[in-house]
């Protein structure tokens, strides 16, 4: 610790250069943190998807509805334990700029199909018994300050009732928590309430979620379900929940490859800037380093000093950058969180960030360390 003032004094002797170098490191790790969060959001559903759940949807497109009557036939397939019909609501709260990830589901068995959603027994009973009731995630309730028993003017940008209104007045019967990070940002209402009131597309659903007895037989069960509706006006496509979520994310491209490419380019540029700063710093201190050698500083101590300067620069800049990424994510507008409910920087991402700070600090210091170690005391002092 006694060398810390010396390290900081060496770095701050050219304040303008330090500021710009530090800004490059901050920006690089701000972008790194944001991209890690985006990648996590796109893969979150796949990472947490139930191994014992399948999704049955239209073979044409996810946007093509299926008859609700399919539920009974699917339930009769060997290996299927429960079926839950789900319908996309396209909801928002008061203003279209406040979208909500809302689904109309069969409340009676929804929480059994999705055990990762936790709600108290009393609230669960209240929701199941209240046709106009909803349960919402704890994060969503906190975002809007909702309380149990509150009347919520949920609106839909898709559905209208028979009077032409897009408002669905619902009651908040329960607030759930989730074992899935980012999974507590949704709203679930009764499918029957939506279907009995809407003006069109009655008795249809967006998809079915199937809970199966044996995940090892997922492929066989999926084939059996799709065989039921082969050559019908509404053919189906059934796959594991993880495969469906992964395919949806793949529509936006290989997020992992894109993130890796962008982060690599930014970090490489940051490495060049930081290495240049360290090289100039050592070049300007040739006489000082030569004097330190003359006073007994060995090559190892000089190398450690230069390395410590580089690491201090990357660690301070990187920590600021990641902190800013957390702050930016915290104020992300709800419009984005509707589609990326799991937008957060995972602990693994932070660990990778710290390792990158250390690695880049080491790489940036290699050439300056070589120059300091090879420095000849007599020649350096004569050149001053």
Protein backbone atom coordinates (compact mmCIF):
# COMPACT_ATOMS: atom_id res chain seq x y z
CA UNK A 1 0.00 0.00 0.00
CA UNK A 2 2.93 2.39 0.56
CA UNK A 3 3.56 2.44 -3.19
CA UNK A 4 -0.04 3.47 -4.03
CA UNK A 5 0.66 7.25 -3.82
CA UNK A 6 3.69 6.72 -6.08
CA UNK A 7 1.62 4.77 -8.58
CA UNK A 8 -1.11 7.39 -8.69
CA UNK A 9 1.44 10.22 -8.95
CA UNK A 10 3.04 8.53 -11.96
CA UNK A 11 -0.33 8.13 -13.66
CA UNK A 12 -1.53 11.67 -12.96
CA UNK A 13 1.56 13.53 -14.11
CA UNK A 14 -0.17 13.95 -17.50
CA UNK A 15 -3.74 14.52 -16.38
CA UNK A 16 -5.24 15.09 -19.82
CA UNK A 17 -3.77 11.87 -21.13
CA UNK A 18 -4.92 10.03 -18.02
CA UNK A 19 -8.48 11.32 -18.37
CA UNK A 20 -8.82 10.24 -21.99
CA UNK A 21 -7.25 6.85 -21.29
CA UNK A 22 -9.47 6.34 -18.28
CA UNK A 23 -12.53 7.32 -20.33
CA UNK A 24 -11.64 4.72 -22.95
CA UNK A 25 -11.48 2.03 -20.26
CA UNK A 26 -14.72 3.24 -18.67
CA UNK A 27 -16.55 3.25 -22.01
CA UNK A 28 -15.20 -0.19 -22.92
CA UNK A 29 -16.47 -1.79 -19.71
CA UNK A 30 -19.72 0.16 -19.77
CA UNK A 31 -20.37 -1.37 -23.17
CA UNK A 32 -19.15 -4.75 -21.94
CA UNK A 33 -21.61 -4.68 -19.03
CA UNK A 34 -24.53 -3.63 -21.24
CA UNK A 35 -23.81 -6.31 -23.81
CA UNK A 36 -23.47 -8.98 -21.13
CA UNK A 37 -26.89 -7.95 -19.83
CA UNK A 38 -28.43 -8.06 -23.32
CA UNK A 39 -26.98 -11.51 -24.00
CA UNK A 40 -28.29 -12.72 -20.64
CA UNK A 41 -31.75 -11.32 -21.43
CA UNK A 42 -31.89 -13.13 -24.77
CA UNK A 43 -30.74 -16.44 -23.30
CA UNK A 44 -32.44 -16.18 -19.92
CA UNK A 45 -35.65 -17.92 -20.95
CA UNK A 46 -33.69 -20.79 -22.46
CA UNK A 47 -31.50 -21.10 -19.40
CA UNK A 48 -34.47 -21.29 -17.06
CA UNK A 49 -36.92 -23.12 -19.32
CA UNK A 50 -38.50 -26.12 -17.64
CA UNK A 51 -37.06 -29.43 -18.77
CA UNK A 52 -40.50 -31.00 -18.31
CA UNK A 53 -42.42 -28.44 -20.36
CA UNK A 54 -43.33 -28.43 -24.05
CA UNK A 55 -44.96 -25.70 -26.11
CA UNK A 56 -47.52 -26.40 -28.82
CA UNK A 57 -48.15 -23.61 -31.32
CA UNK A 58 -49.31 -23.17 -34.87
CA UNK A 59 -47.06 -24.78 -37.48
CA UNK A 60 -47.46 -21.62 -39.55
CA UNK A 61 -46.38 -18.95 -37.09
CA UNK A 62 -46.40 -18.04 -33.44
CA UNK A 63 -48.87 -15.28 -34.30
CA UNK A 64 -51.47 -17.71 -35.71
CA UNK A 65 -54.06 -18.73 -33.10
CA UNK A 66 -55.11 -22.29 -32.28
CA UNK A 67 -58.56 -23.53 -31.18
CA UNK A 68 -58.94 -23.88 -27.41
CA UNK A 69 -60.59 -27.25 -28.09
CA UNK A 70 -57.14 -28.66 -28.82
CA UNK A 71 -56.44 -28.62 -25.06
CA UNK A 72 -58.59 -31.68 -24.36
CA UNK A 73 -57.08 -33.73 -27.14
CA UNK A 74 -53.55 -32.80 -26.14
CA UNK A 75 -54.29 -33.77 -22.53
CA UNK A 76 -55.15 -37.27 -23.74
CA UNK A 77 -51.69 -37.90 -25.18
CA UNK A 78 -49.69 -40.41 -23.19
CA UNK A 79 -47.03 -38.68 -21.14
CA UNK A 80 -48.84 -35.33 -20.88
CA UNK A 81 -49.72 -34.52 -17.28
CA UNK A 82 -51.25 -31.06 -17.65
CA UNK A 83 -52.07 -28.56 -20.38
CA UNK A 84 -52.31 -24.81 -19.91
CA UNK A 85 -53.66 -22.62 -22.75
CA UNK A 86 -52.05 -19.20 -22.97
CA UNK A 87 -52.96 -16.09 -24.90
CA UNK A 88 -50.78 -13.05 -25.54
CA UNK A 89 -52.53 -9.94 -24.22
CA UNK A 90 -50.31 -7.15 -25.49
CA UNK A 91 -51.05 -5.23 -22.34
CA UNK A 92 -50.01 -1.85 -21.04
CA UNK A 93 -50.72 0.26 -17.97
CA UNK A 94 -52.48 3.58 -18.61
CA UNK A 95 -50.16 4.56 -21.45
CA UNK A 96 -48.78 2.51 -24.39
CA UNK A 97 -45.33 3.64 -23.27
CA UNK A 98 -45.83 1.46 -20.16
CA UNK A 99 -46.12 -2.02 -21.74
CA UNK A 100 -46.61 -5.08 -19.58
CA UNK A 101 -45.67 -8.66 -20.39
CA UNK A 102 -49.19 -9.98 -19.85
CA UNK A 103 -50.64 -13.43 -20.58
CA UNK A 104 -54.13 -14.85 -20.20
CA UNK A 105 -53.81 -18.35 -18.73
CA UNK A 106 -55.86 -21.09 -17.09
CA UNK A 107 -55.42 -20.13 -13.45
CA UNK A 108 -56.47 -23.49 -11.98
CA UNK A 109 -53.25 -25.27 -12.89
CA UNK A 110 -50.95 -22.46 -14.02
CA UNK A 111 -48.85 -22.39 -10.85
CA UNK A 112 -48.50 -26.16 -10.98
CA UNK A 113 -47.17 -26.01 -14.51
CA UNK A 114 -44.82 -23.18 -13.48
CA UNK A 115 -43.57 -24.09 -9.97
CA UNK A 116 -40.85 -21.43 -10.21
CA UNK A 117 -43.54 -18.82 -9.56
CA UNK A 118 -44.22 -18.62 -5.83
CA UNK A 119 -47.35 -17.06 -4.34
CA UNK A 120 -48.97 -17.55 -0.93
CA UNK A 121 -51.75 -20.10 -0.58
CA UNK A 122 -54.30 -17.40 0.32
CA UNK A 123 -53.41 -15.27 -2.68
CA UNK A 124 -53.44 -18.29 -4.95
CA UNK A 125 -56.94 -19.22 -3.84
CA UNK A 126 -58.14 -15.65 -4.22
CA UNK A 127 -56.82 -15.50 -7.79
CA UNK A 128 -58.27 -18.84 -8.86
CA UNK A 129 -61.67 -17.87 -7.46
CA UNK A 130 -61.75 -14.40 -9.00
CA UNK A 131 -62.46 -14.37 -12.73
CA UNK A 132 -61.23 -10.76 -12.99
CA UNK A 133 -58.24 -11.36 -10.78
CA UNK A 134 -54.58 -11.21 -11.76
CA UNK A 135 -51.25 -12.05 -10.19
CA UNK A 136 -48.20 -9.94 -10.96
CA UNK A 137 -44.49 -10.28 -10.32
CA UNK A 138 -42.97 -8.56 -7.31
CA UNK A 139 -40.72 -6.39 -9.49
CA UNK A 140 -43.67 -5.23 -11.60
CA UNK A 141 -45.76 -4.45 -8.52
CA UNK A 142 -42.88 -2.47 -7.06
CA UNK A 143 -42.34 -0.58 -10.32
CA UNK A 144 -45.90 0.81 -10.33
CA UNK A 145 -46.55 0.79 -6.58
CA UNK A 146 -49.41 -1.71 -6.84
CA UNK A 147 -50.99 -3.20 -3.72
CA UNK A 148 -53.13 -6.28 -3.11
CA UNK A 149 -56.80 -5.67 -3.79
CA UNK A 150 -56.10 -2.72 -6.08
CA UNK A 151 -58.16 -2.28 -9.25
CA UNK A 152 -55.85 -2.12 -12.28
CA UNK A 153 -56.95 -0.57 -15.59
CA UNK A 154 -55.09 -3.03 -17.79
CA UNK A 155 -55.32 -2.12 -21.46
CA UNK A 156 -54.52 -4.13 -24.57
CA UNK A 157 -53.13 -3.03 -27.91
CA UNK A 158 -54.59 -6.21 -29.46
CA UNK A 159 -57.93 -7.05 -27.89
CA UNK A 160 -61.16 -5.07 -27.54
CA UNK A 161 -64.31 -6.13 -25.74
CA UNK A 162 -67.76 -6.33 -27.28
CA UNK A 163 -68.35 -2.65 -26.46
CA UNK A 164 -65.24 -1.62 -28.36
CA UNK A 165 -63.14 -0.82 -25.27
CA UNK A 166 -59.58 -2.01 -24.90
CA UNK A 167 -59.70 -1.73 -21.10
CA UNK A 168 -59.78 -4.86 -18.95
CA UNK A 169 -60.51 -3.91 -15.36
CA UNK A 170 -58.78 -6.47 -13.20
CA UNK A 171 -58.08 -6.89 -9.50
CA UNK A 172 -54.66 -7.59 -8.07
CA UNK A 173 -55.19 -10.80 -6.09
CA UNK A 174 -51.61 -11.93 -5.70
CA UNK A 175 -47.97 -10.89 -5.97
CA UNK A 176 -45.60 -13.69 -6.88
CA UNK A 177 -41.86 -14.11 -6.60
CA UNK A 178 -39.76 -16.17 -8.97
CA UNK A 179 -36.75 -18.40 -8.67
CA UNK A 180 -35.92 -17.25 -12.19
CA UNK A 181 -33.89 -14.05 -12.27
CA UNK A 182 -35.98 -11.42 -14.04
CA UNK A 183 -39.08 -13.65 -14.00
CA UNK A 184 -41.05 -11.43 -11.63
CA UNK A 185 -41.95 -8.76 -14.19
CA UNK A 186 -45.07 -10.32 -15.69
CA UNK A 187 -48.85 -10.26 -15.25
CA UNK A 188 -51.17 -13.26 -15.53
CA UNK A 189 -54.93 -12.95 -15.91
CA UNK A 190 -57.74 -15.46 -16.45
CA UNK A 191 -58.06 -16.72 -20.00
CA UNK A 192 -61.79 -17.17 -19.54
CA UNK A 193 -62.26 -13.50 -18.59
CA UNK A 194 -60.43 -12.37 -21.72
CA UNK A 195 -62.15 -14.82 -24.02
CA UNK A 196 -65.70 -14.24 -22.72
CA UNK A 197 -65.37 -10.49 -23.22
CA UNK A 198 -63.31 -9.99 -26.38
CA UNK A 199 -65.02 -9.07 -29.62
CA UNK A 200 -63.18 -11.47 -31.94
CA UNK A 201 -60.99 -14.61 -32.09
CA UNK A 202 -63.03 -16.26 -29.35
CA UNK A 203 -62.15 -19.79 -28.25
CA UNK A 204 -58.61 -19.47 -29.57
CA UNK A 205 -55.24 -19.32 -27.84
CA UNK A 206 -51.74 -18.27 -28.79
CA UNK A 207 -50.15 -21.55 -27.68
CA UNK A 208 -50.40 -24.40 -25.18
CA UNK A 209 -47.86 -25.23 -22.49
CA UNK A 210 -47.61 -28.94 -21.69
CA UNK A 211 -46.22 -30.38 -18.49
CA UNK A 212 -44.92 -33.87 -19.21
CA UNK A 213 -44.10 -36.75 -16.90
CA UNK A 214 -40.73 -37.73 -18.36
CA UNK A 215 -38.42 -35.13 -19.96
CA UNK A 216 -36.53 -37.98 -21.65
CA UNK A 217 -39.63 -38.67 -23.76
CA UNK A 218 -40.14 -35.07 -24.81
CA UNK A 219 -39.47 -35.85 -28.48
CA UNK A 220 -41.92 -38.75 -28.59
CA UNK A 221 -44.63 -36.74 -26.83
CA UNK A 222 -44.12 -33.80 -29.20
CA UNK A 223 -44.48 -36.07 -32.23
CA UNK A 224 -47.62 -37.64 -30.81
CA UNK A 225 -49.21 -34.25 -30.20
CA UNK A 226 -48.43 -32.95 -33.68
CA UNK A 227 -49.72 -36.19 -35.22
CA UNK A 228 -53.15 -35.44 -33.76
CA UNK A 229 -53.52 -32.37 -35.93
CA UNK A 230 -51.62 -33.38 -39.05
CA UNK A 231 -53.42 -32.43 -42.30
CA UNK A 232 -55.93 -30.32 -40.33
CA UNK A 233 -56.66 -26.62 -40.98
CA UNK A 234 -54.63 -25.82 -37.86
CA UNK A 235 -51.53 -27.98 -37.85
CA UNK A 236 -49.24 -27.67 -34.86
CA UNK A 237 -45.56 -27.62 -34.04
CA UNK A 238 -44.53 -28.87 -30.60
CA UNK A 239 -41.09 -28.49 -29.09
CA UNK A 240 -39.44 -28.17 -25.72
CA UNK A 241 -39.84 -24.81 -24.06
CA UNK A 242 -36.09 -24.30 -24.20
CA UNK A 243 -35.99 -24.96 -27.96
CA UNK A 244 -38.84 -22.50 -28.59
CA UNK A 245 -37.20 -19.75 -26.56
CA UNK A 246 -33.81 -20.41 -28.16
CA UNK A 247 -35.31 -20.31 -31.66
CA UNK A 248 -37.05 -17.05 -30.84
CA UNK A 249 -33.78 -15.52 -29.73
CA UNK A 250 -32.06 -16.90 -32.84
CA UNK A 251 -34.39 -14.83 -35.01
CA UNK A 252 -32.37 -11.82 -33.92
CA UNK A 253 -29.13 -13.53 -34.93
CA UNK A 254 -26.41 -15.29 -32.96
CA UNK A 255 -26.47 -12.95 -29.97
CA UNK A 256 -23.46 -14.61 -28.39
CA UNK A 257 -21.32 -14.19 -31.52
CA UNK A 258 -22.46 -10.61 -32.02
CA UNK A 259 -21.70 -9.67 -28.43
CA UNK A 260 -18.32 -11.38 -28.56
CA UNK A 261 -17.36 -9.58 -31.77
CA UNK A 262 -18.38 -6.13 -30.53
CA UNK A 263 -16.78 -6.56 -27.11
CA UNK A 264 -13.56 -7.91 -28.65
CA UNK A 265 -13.27 -4.92 -30.98
CA UNK A 266 -13.89 -2.41 -28.19
CA UNK A 267 -11.54 -4.08 -25.73
CA UNK A 268 -8.80 -4.37 -28.35
CA UNK A 269 -9.06 -0.64 -29.03
CA UNK A 270 -8.96 0.03 -25.30
CA UNK A 271 -5.86 -2.18 -25.02
CA UNK A 272 -4.06 -0.15 -27.67
CA UNK A 273 -4.92 3.14 -25.96
CA UNK A 274 -3.87 1.87 -22.53
CA UNK A 275 -0.65 0.33 -23.83
CA UNK A 276 0.23 3.58 -25.57
CA UNK A 277 -0.36 5.52 -22.35
CA UNK A 278 1.87 3.18 -20.36
CA UNK A 279 4.58 3.27 -23.02
CA UNK A 280 4.63 7.06 -23.02
CA UNK A 281 4.64 7.15 -19.23
CA UNK A 282 7.70 4.90 -19.05
CA UNK A 283 9.44 6.80 -21.88
CA UNK A 284 9.03 10.08 -20.00
CA UNK A 285 10.49 8.59 -16.82
CA UNK A 286 13.67 7.05 -18.21
CA UNK A 287 15.88 9.11 -15.91
CA UNK A 288 13.74 8.34 -12.86
CA UNK A 289 13.78 4.63 -13.56
CA UNK A 290 17.54 4.69 -14.15
CA UNK A 291 18.02 6.48 -10.82
CA UNK A 292 15.81 3.92 -9.07
CA UNK A 293 17.95 1.15 -10.57
CA UNK A 294 21.08 2.92 -9.34
CA UNK A 295 19.58 3.09 -5.85
CA UNK A 296 19.03 -0.65 -5.78
CA UNK A 297 15.63 -1.26 -7.35
CA UNK A 298 15.89 -4.58 -9.12
CA UNK A 299 14.28 -5.46 -12.43
CA UNK A 300 11.53 -7.39 -10.66
CA UNK A 301 10.51 -4.41 -8.52
CA UNK A 302 10.54 -2.07 -11.50
CA UNK A 303 8.43 -4.53 -13.49
CA UNK A 304 6.01 -4.82 -10.59
CA UNK A 305 5.77 -1.02 -10.36
CA UNK A 306 4.93 -0.62 -14.05
CA UNK A 307 2.48 -3.54 -13.95
CA UNK A 308 0.78 -2.09 -10.88
CA UNK A 309 0.27 1.23 -12.68
CA UNK A 310 -1.33 -0.50 -15.64
CA UNK A 311 -3.54 -2.67 -13.45
CA UNK A 312 -4.62 0.32 -11.37
CA UNK A 313 -5.69 2.11 -14.54
CA UNK A 314 -7.70 -0.79 -15.93
CA UNK A 315 -9.23 -1.80 -12.59
CA UNK A 316 -10.37 1.72 -11.68
CA UNK A 317 -11.71 2.42 -15.17
CA UNK A 318 -13.32 -1.02 -15.42
CA UNK A 319 -15.00 -0.73 -12.03
CA UNK A 320 -16.45 2.67 -12.97
CA UNK A 321 -17.61 1.30 -16.33
CA UNK A 322 -19.39 -1.72 -14.83
CA UNK A 323 -20.97 0.48 -12.15
CA UNK A 324 -22.31 2.79 -14.83
CA UNK A 325 -23.69 -0.23 -16.71
CA UNK A 326 -25.62 -1.25 -13.59
CA UNK A 327 -26.94 2.31 -13.25
CA UNK A 328 -28.02 2.49 -16.90
CA UNK A 329 -29.83 -0.86 -16.70
CA UNK A 330 -31.65 0.33 -13.57
CA UNK A 331 -33.26 3.18 -15.53
CA UNK A 332 -34.05 1.22 -18.70
CA UNK A 333 -37.59 2.18 -19.82
CA UNK A 334 -40.38 -0.33 -19.38
CA UNK A 335 -40.92 -0.56 -23.15
CA UNK A 336 -37.67 -2.48 -23.47
CA UNK A 337 -38.14 -4.56 -20.34
CA UNK A 338 -41.38 -5.97 -21.73
CA UNK A 339 -39.37 -7.88 -24.31
CA UNK A 340 -36.20 -8.29 -22.24
CA UNK A 341 -37.52 -8.96 -18.73
CA UNK A 342 -34.25 -10.60 -17.69
CA UNK A 343 -32.04 -7.61 -18.43
CA UNK A 344 -29.31 -7.72 -15.79
CA UNK A 345 -25.59 -8.29 -15.51
CA UNK A 346 -25.02 -11.85 -14.21
CA UNK A 347 -22.44 -12.58 -11.54
CA UNK A 348 -20.49 -14.62 -14.09
CA UNK A 349 -20.37 -11.54 -16.33
CA UNK A 350 -18.90 -9.45 -13.51
CA UNK A 351 -16.27 -12.13 -12.86
CA UNK A 352 -15.36 -12.22 -16.57
CA UNK A 353 -15.15 -8.42 -16.50
CA UNK A 354 -12.69 -8.43 -13.59
CA UNK A 355 -10.56 -11.10 -15.29
CA UNK A 356 -10.53 -9.00 -18.46
CA UNK A 357 -9.41 -5.95 -16.49
CA UNK A 358 -6.50 -7.94 -15.09
CA UNK A 359 -5.61 -9.48 -18.45
CA UNK A 360 -5.76 -6.20 -20.34
CA UNK A 361 -3.75 -4.47 -17.64
CA UNK A 362 -1.10 -7.17 -17.95
CA UNK A 363 -0.98 -7.02 -21.75
CA UNK A 364 -0.82 -3.22 -21.76
CA UNK A 365 2.18 -3.34 -19.42
CA UNK A 366 4.27 -5.94 -21.29
CA UNK A 367 6.12 -3.60 -23.66
CA UNK A 368 6.74 -0.87 -21.03
CA UNK A 369 8.00 -3.52 -18.62
CA UNK A 370 10.41 -4.79 -21.27
CA UNK A 371 11.72 -1.25 -21.81
CA UNK A 372 12.16 -0.65 -18.07
CA UNK A 373 13.93 -3.98 -17.51
CA UNK A 374 16.34 -3.48 -20.43
CA UNK A 375 17.19 0.07 -19.32
CA UNK A 376 20.96 0.69 -18.92
CA UNK A 377 21.59 3.04 -16.03
CA UNK A 378 24.70 4.81 -17.37
CA UNK A 379 23.30 5.29 -20.88
CA UNK A 380 19.97 6.52 -19.55
CA UNK A 381 21.54 9.08 -17.23
CA UNK A 382 23.87 10.37 -19.96
CA UNK A 383 20.93 10.93 -22.26
CA UNK A 384 19.18 13.25 -19.79
